[in-house]
N, C-alpha and C. Protein backbone atom coordinates (compact mmCIF):
# COMPACT_ATOMS: atom_id res chain seq x y z
N MET A 1 24.61 34.57 39.79
CA MET A 1 25.36 33.52 39.16
C MET A 1 25.08 32.20 39.88
N THR A 2 24.93 31.11 39.09
CA THR A 2 24.64 29.82 39.70
C THR A 2 25.91 28.99 39.77
N ASP A 3 25.87 27.98 40.61
CA ASP A 3 27.02 27.10 40.78
C ASP A 3 27.02 25.94 39.78
N GLN A 4 26.00 25.88 38.95
CA GLN A 4 25.85 24.75 38.05
C GLN A 4 26.74 24.91 36.81
N GLN A 5 27.21 23.80 36.30
CA GLN A 5 28.06 23.81 35.11
C GLN A 5 27.21 24.03 33.87
N PRO A 6 27.80 24.63 32.83
CA PRO A 6 27.03 24.84 31.60
C PRO A 6 26.69 23.50 30.95
N GLY A 7 25.49 23.41 30.40
CA GLY A 7 25.04 22.20 29.70
C GLY A 7 24.41 21.16 30.59
N VAL A 8 24.40 21.35 31.90
CA VAL A 8 23.79 20.40 32.81
C VAL A 8 22.40 20.93 33.16
N PRO A 9 21.36 20.12 32.99
CA PRO A 9 20.01 20.61 33.28
C PRO A 9 19.82 20.85 34.78
N ASP A 10 18.92 21.77 35.08
CA ASP A 10 18.62 22.09 36.47
C ASP A 10 17.91 20.95 37.18
N ASP A 11 16.94 20.35 36.53
CA ASP A 11 16.14 19.29 37.15
C ASP A 11 16.39 17.97 36.43
N PRO A 12 16.37 16.87 37.16
CA PRO A 12 16.50 15.57 36.49
C PRO A 12 15.24 15.30 35.66
N PRO A 13 15.35 14.48 34.61
CA PRO A 13 14.17 14.20 33.80
C PRO A 13 13.11 13.46 34.60
N ALA A 14 11.87 13.73 34.26
CA ALA A 14 10.75 13.10 34.95
C ALA A 14 10.72 11.62 34.61
N PRO A 15 10.32 10.79 35.57
CA PRO A 15 10.23 9.35 35.27
C PRO A 15 9.15 9.11 34.22
N ARG A 16 9.37 8.08 33.42
CA ARG A 16 8.44 7.75 32.34
C ARG A 16 7.20 7.09 32.93
N THR A 17 6.05 7.59 32.55
CA THR A 17 4.79 7.05 33.05
C THR A 17 4.05 6.36 31.91
N ALA A 18 2.95 5.73 32.23
CA ALA A 18 2.14 5.06 31.22
C ALA A 18 1.54 6.05 30.25
N ALA A 19 1.30 7.28 30.71
CA ALA A 19 0.70 8.29 29.84
C ALA A 19 1.70 8.82 28.82
N ALA A 20 2.98 8.74 29.11
CA ALA A 20 4.01 9.26 28.21
C ALA A 20 4.62 8.11 27.42
N LYS A 21 3.92 7.64 26.40
CA LYS A 21 4.39 6.52 25.60
C LYS A 21 5.24 7.03 24.45
N SER A 22 6.19 6.23 24.06
CA SER A 22 7.01 6.59 22.91
C SER A 22 6.25 6.24 21.63
N ASP A 23 6.80 6.66 20.49
CA ASP A 23 6.17 6.35 19.21
C ASP A 23 6.16 4.84 18.95
N ALA A 24 7.21 4.15 19.35
CA ALA A 24 7.27 2.70 19.15
C ALA A 24 6.18 2.01 19.96
N ASP A 25 5.92 2.47 21.18
CA ASP A 25 4.86 1.89 21.98
C ASP A 25 3.50 2.13 21.35
N ALA A 26 3.30 3.33 20.78
CA ALA A 26 2.03 3.66 20.16
C ALA A 26 1.77 2.78 18.94
N VAL A 27 2.81 2.47 18.17
CA VAL A 27 2.66 1.62 17.00
C VAL A 27 2.29 0.21 17.43
N ARG A 28 2.90 -0.29 18.48
CA ARG A 28 2.59 -1.65 18.95
C ARG A 28 1.19 -1.76 19.51
N ASP A 29 0.61 -0.66 19.99
CA ASP A 29 -0.72 -0.69 20.59
C ASP A 29 -1.84 -0.59 19.56
N ARG A 30 -1.51 -0.29 18.30
CA ARG A 30 -2.55 -0.16 17.28
C ARG A 30 -3.15 -1.53 16.97
N PRO A 31 -4.47 -1.55 16.76
CA PRO A 31 -5.08 -2.84 16.41
C PRO A 31 -4.70 -3.24 14.99
N ALA A 32 -4.70 -4.53 14.74
CA ALA A 32 -4.37 -5.04 13.41
C ALA A 32 -5.51 -4.73 12.44
N LEU A 33 -5.15 -4.51 11.18
CA LEU A 33 -6.16 -4.28 10.16
C LEU A 33 -6.91 -5.56 9.86
N PRO A 34 -8.18 -5.44 9.49
CA PRO A 34 -8.93 -6.66 9.14
C PRO A 34 -8.37 -7.27 7.85
N ALA A 35 -8.58 -8.55 7.69
CA ALA A 35 -8.03 -9.27 6.54
C ALA A 35 -8.55 -8.70 5.22
N ALA A 36 -9.79 -8.22 5.20
CA ALA A 36 -10.35 -7.66 3.97
C ALA A 36 -9.60 -6.40 3.53
N ALA A 37 -9.06 -5.64 4.47
CA ALA A 37 -8.32 -4.43 4.12
C ALA A 37 -6.91 -4.74 3.63
N LEU A 38 -6.40 -5.91 3.94
CA LEU A 38 -5.06 -6.30 3.52
C LEU A 38 -5.03 -7.08 2.22
N ASP A 39 -6.18 -7.48 1.73
CA ASP A 39 -6.25 -8.30 0.52
C ASP A 39 -6.20 -7.42 -0.72
N PRO A 40 -5.16 -7.52 -1.56
CA PRO A 40 -5.05 -6.65 -2.73
C PRO A 40 -5.88 -7.13 -3.93
N ARG A 41 -6.44 -8.32 -3.87
CA ARG A 41 -7.16 -8.85 -5.03
C ARG A 41 -8.33 -7.99 -5.48
N PRO A 42 -9.19 -7.48 -4.59
CA PRO A 42 -10.30 -6.64 -5.06
C PRO A 42 -9.82 -5.36 -5.77
N VAL A 43 -8.74 -4.79 -5.29
CA VAL A 43 -8.22 -3.57 -5.90
C VAL A 43 -7.66 -3.86 -7.28
N VAL A 44 -6.92 -4.94 -7.41
CA VAL A 44 -6.35 -5.33 -8.71
C VAL A 44 -7.48 -5.63 -9.70
N ALA A 45 -8.47 -6.38 -9.27
CA ALA A 45 -9.59 -6.74 -10.14
C ALA A 45 -10.42 -5.51 -10.52
N ALA A 46 -10.67 -4.62 -9.57
CA ALA A 46 -11.46 -3.42 -9.87
C ALA A 46 -10.74 -2.50 -10.84
N GLY A 47 -9.44 -2.33 -10.66
CA GLY A 47 -8.68 -1.47 -11.57
C GLY A 47 -8.64 -2.03 -12.98
N PHE A 48 -8.36 -3.31 -13.11
CA PHE A 48 -8.31 -3.93 -14.43
C PHE A 48 -9.71 -3.94 -15.06
N GLY A 49 -10.73 -4.22 -14.25
CA GLY A 49 -12.11 -4.21 -14.75
C GLY A 49 -12.55 -2.83 -15.21
N ALA A 50 -12.09 -1.80 -14.53
CA ALA A 50 -12.45 -0.44 -14.93
C ALA A 50 -11.88 -0.11 -16.31
N TRP A 51 -10.66 -0.56 -16.59
CA TRP A 51 -10.08 -0.32 -17.92
C TRP A 51 -10.82 -1.12 -18.99
N ILE A 52 -11.26 -2.32 -18.67
CA ILE A 52 -12.04 -3.12 -19.63
C ILE A 52 -13.35 -2.41 -19.94
N ILE A 53 -14.03 -1.95 -18.91
CA ILE A 53 -15.31 -1.25 -19.09
C ILE A 53 -15.11 0.03 -19.89
N ALA A 54 -14.07 0.81 -19.57
CA ALA A 54 -13.81 2.05 -20.30
C ALA A 54 -13.54 1.77 -21.77
N THR A 55 -12.79 0.73 -22.07
CA THR A 55 -12.50 0.39 -23.46
C THR A 55 -13.77 0.01 -24.21
N ILE A 56 -14.62 -0.78 -23.59
CA ILE A 56 -15.88 -1.19 -24.22
C ILE A 56 -16.78 0.02 -24.45
N VAL A 57 -16.87 0.91 -23.45
CA VAL A 57 -17.72 2.10 -23.57
C VAL A 57 -17.25 2.98 -24.73
N PHE A 58 -15.96 3.22 -24.83
CA PHE A 58 -15.46 4.07 -25.91
C PHE A 58 -15.58 3.40 -27.27
N LEU A 59 -15.45 2.07 -27.33
CA LEU A 59 -15.64 1.37 -28.59
C LEU A 59 -17.09 1.47 -29.07
N ILE A 60 -18.03 1.35 -28.14
CA ILE A 60 -19.45 1.43 -28.49
C ILE A 60 -19.86 2.87 -28.81
N ALA A 61 -19.43 3.81 -27.97
CA ALA A 61 -19.87 5.20 -28.12
C ALA A 61 -19.24 5.90 -29.33
N ASP A 62 -17.94 5.78 -29.51
CA ASP A 62 -17.25 6.53 -30.56
C ASP A 62 -16.69 5.65 -31.66
N GLY A 63 -16.77 4.37 -31.52
CA GLY A 63 -16.21 3.48 -32.53
C GLY A 63 -14.70 3.43 -32.42
N ALA A 64 -14.08 2.87 -33.42
CA ALA A 64 -12.62 2.69 -33.40
C ALA A 64 -11.87 3.99 -33.61
N SER A 65 -12.58 5.09 -33.92
CA SER A 65 -11.91 6.37 -34.17
C SER A 65 -11.78 7.23 -32.91
N SER A 66 -12.16 6.73 -31.76
CA SER A 66 -12.09 7.50 -30.52
C SER A 66 -10.64 7.80 -30.16
N SER A 67 -10.40 9.05 -29.76
CA SER A 67 -9.04 9.42 -29.36
C SER A 67 -8.69 8.91 -27.97
N ALA A 68 -9.67 8.40 -27.24
CA ALA A 68 -9.42 7.88 -25.90
C ALA A 68 -9.01 6.40 -25.92
N LEU A 69 -9.18 5.75 -27.04
CA LEU A 69 -8.86 4.32 -27.10
C LEU A 69 -7.38 4.02 -26.83
N PRO A 70 -6.42 4.81 -27.33
CA PRO A 70 -5.03 4.49 -26.97
C PRO A 70 -4.77 4.53 -25.47
N VAL A 71 -5.44 5.43 -24.77
CA VAL A 71 -5.30 5.50 -23.31
C VAL A 71 -5.91 4.25 -22.68
N CYS A 72 -7.06 3.82 -23.20
CA CYS A 72 -7.69 2.61 -22.68
C CYS A 72 -6.83 1.38 -22.94
N TYR A 73 -6.25 1.31 -24.13
CA TYR A 73 -5.38 0.18 -24.44
C TYR A 73 -4.14 0.17 -23.52
N ALA A 74 -3.59 1.35 -23.29
CA ALA A 74 -2.43 1.44 -22.38
C ALA A 74 -2.84 1.00 -20.97
N GLY A 75 -4.02 1.40 -20.53
CA GLY A 75 -4.51 0.98 -19.22
C GLY A 75 -4.69 -0.52 -19.13
N LEU A 76 -5.18 -1.13 -20.22
CA LEU A 76 -5.33 -2.59 -20.24
C LEU A 76 -3.98 -3.29 -20.16
N VAL A 77 -2.99 -2.76 -20.91
CA VAL A 77 -1.66 -3.38 -20.89
C VAL A 77 -1.03 -3.25 -19.51
N ILE A 78 -1.11 -2.05 -18.93
CA ILE A 78 -0.53 -1.84 -17.59
C ILE A 78 -1.27 -2.66 -16.55
N GLY A 79 -2.58 -2.76 -16.67
CA GLY A 79 -3.36 -3.59 -15.76
C GLY A 79 -2.99 -5.06 -15.87
N ALA A 80 -2.78 -5.53 -17.12
CA ALA A 80 -2.38 -6.92 -17.31
C ALA A 80 -0.99 -7.18 -16.73
N LEU A 81 -0.07 -6.23 -16.92
CA LEU A 81 1.27 -6.38 -16.36
C LEU A 81 1.22 -6.38 -14.83
N GLY A 82 0.44 -5.46 -14.26
CA GLY A 82 0.31 -5.41 -12.80
C GLY A 82 -0.30 -6.67 -12.23
N THR A 83 -1.30 -7.20 -12.92
CA THR A 83 -1.92 -8.45 -12.48
C THR A 83 -0.93 -9.60 -12.56
N ALA A 84 -0.13 -9.62 -13.64
CA ALA A 84 0.87 -10.68 -13.78
C ALA A 84 1.92 -10.60 -12.66
N VAL A 85 2.38 -9.39 -12.34
CA VAL A 85 3.35 -9.23 -11.26
C VAL A 85 2.75 -9.69 -9.93
N PHE A 86 1.51 -9.31 -9.69
CA PHE A 86 0.83 -9.73 -8.46
C PHE A 86 0.75 -11.25 -8.37
N LEU A 87 0.36 -11.90 -9.47
CA LEU A 87 0.22 -13.35 -9.45
C LEU A 87 1.57 -14.05 -9.27
N ILE A 88 2.62 -13.51 -9.88
CA ILE A 88 3.96 -14.08 -9.72
C ILE A 88 4.44 -13.93 -8.28
N GLN A 89 4.21 -12.75 -7.70
CA GLN A 89 4.61 -12.52 -6.31
C GLN A 89 3.83 -13.43 -5.36
N ARG A 90 2.54 -13.59 -5.63
CA ARG A 90 1.73 -14.44 -4.76
C ARG A 90 2.18 -15.89 -4.84
N ARG A 91 2.50 -16.35 -6.06
CA ARG A 91 2.99 -17.73 -6.21
C ARG A 91 4.31 -17.91 -5.47
N GLY A 92 5.19 -16.91 -5.56
CA GLY A 92 6.46 -16.98 -4.84
C GLY A 92 6.28 -16.98 -3.34
N ALA A 93 5.32 -16.17 -2.85
CA ALA A 93 5.07 -16.12 -1.40
C ALA A 93 4.50 -17.44 -0.91
N ARG A 94 3.64 -18.05 -1.70
CA ARG A 94 3.05 -19.34 -1.30
C ARG A 94 4.06 -20.46 -1.30
N SER A 95 5.04 -20.38 -2.21
CA SER A 95 6.05 -21.44 -2.26
C SER A 95 7.20 -21.18 -1.30
N GLY A 96 7.20 -20.03 -0.62
CA GLY A 96 8.19 -19.76 0.40
C GLY A 96 9.49 -19.16 -0.11
N ARG A 97 9.47 -18.53 -1.27
CA ARG A 97 10.69 -17.91 -1.79
C ARG A 97 11.06 -16.70 -0.96
N LYS A 98 12.36 -16.50 -0.79
CA LYS A 98 12.84 -15.40 0.07
C LYS A 98 12.53 -14.03 -0.51
N GLY A 99 12.63 -13.86 -1.82
CA GLY A 99 12.46 -12.55 -2.44
C GLY A 99 11.02 -12.15 -2.67
N ALA A 100 10.08 -13.00 -2.32
CA ALA A 100 8.67 -12.72 -2.58
C ALA A 100 8.13 -11.74 -1.55
N GLN A 101 7.12 -11.00 -1.98
CA GLN A 101 6.47 -10.05 -1.09
C GLN A 101 5.75 -10.80 0.01
N GLN A 102 5.73 -10.24 1.20
CA GLN A 102 5.11 -10.90 2.36
C GLN A 102 3.62 -10.54 2.42
N GLY A 103 2.82 -11.46 2.90
CA GLY A 103 1.40 -11.20 3.15
C GLY A 103 0.48 -11.45 1.97
N LEU A 104 0.92 -12.13 0.93
CA LEU A 104 0.07 -12.35 -0.23
C LEU A 104 -0.53 -13.74 -0.25
N THR A 105 -0.28 -14.54 0.73
CA THR A 105 -0.77 -15.92 0.70
C THR A 105 -2.24 -16.01 1.01
C-alpha cells in the first residue's frame, strides 16, 4: 500500500521543451501559402469555362436534342451565380465592408 492519495500522479509532469510543441505552436510555425494558391480567380474562371466548353461540345456533337444540355445549362447558371457572388464579395472586401469575405482584394 502506498501513502499517496488517490488521483494524485506519482511523478510531476515533465517540463515543456522545444521538441514538445503544442498544436497551436505547430500552426504558427507553418509557412504561409503563396499568393497564387490563395487567389480564387483561376478556379472560378476554369470552372465556368469548363461549363461553356461542355455546352459548346454537346451542341456541336449532338445538336439541340442532347440529353446532356440541361446539365450544361444548369452548370452555366450555377457558374454565373458563383461568379457573381465572388465579384460582389470582392467588391465589398475592397471597399472595406465588415460582412465581406477576407482575402479577396
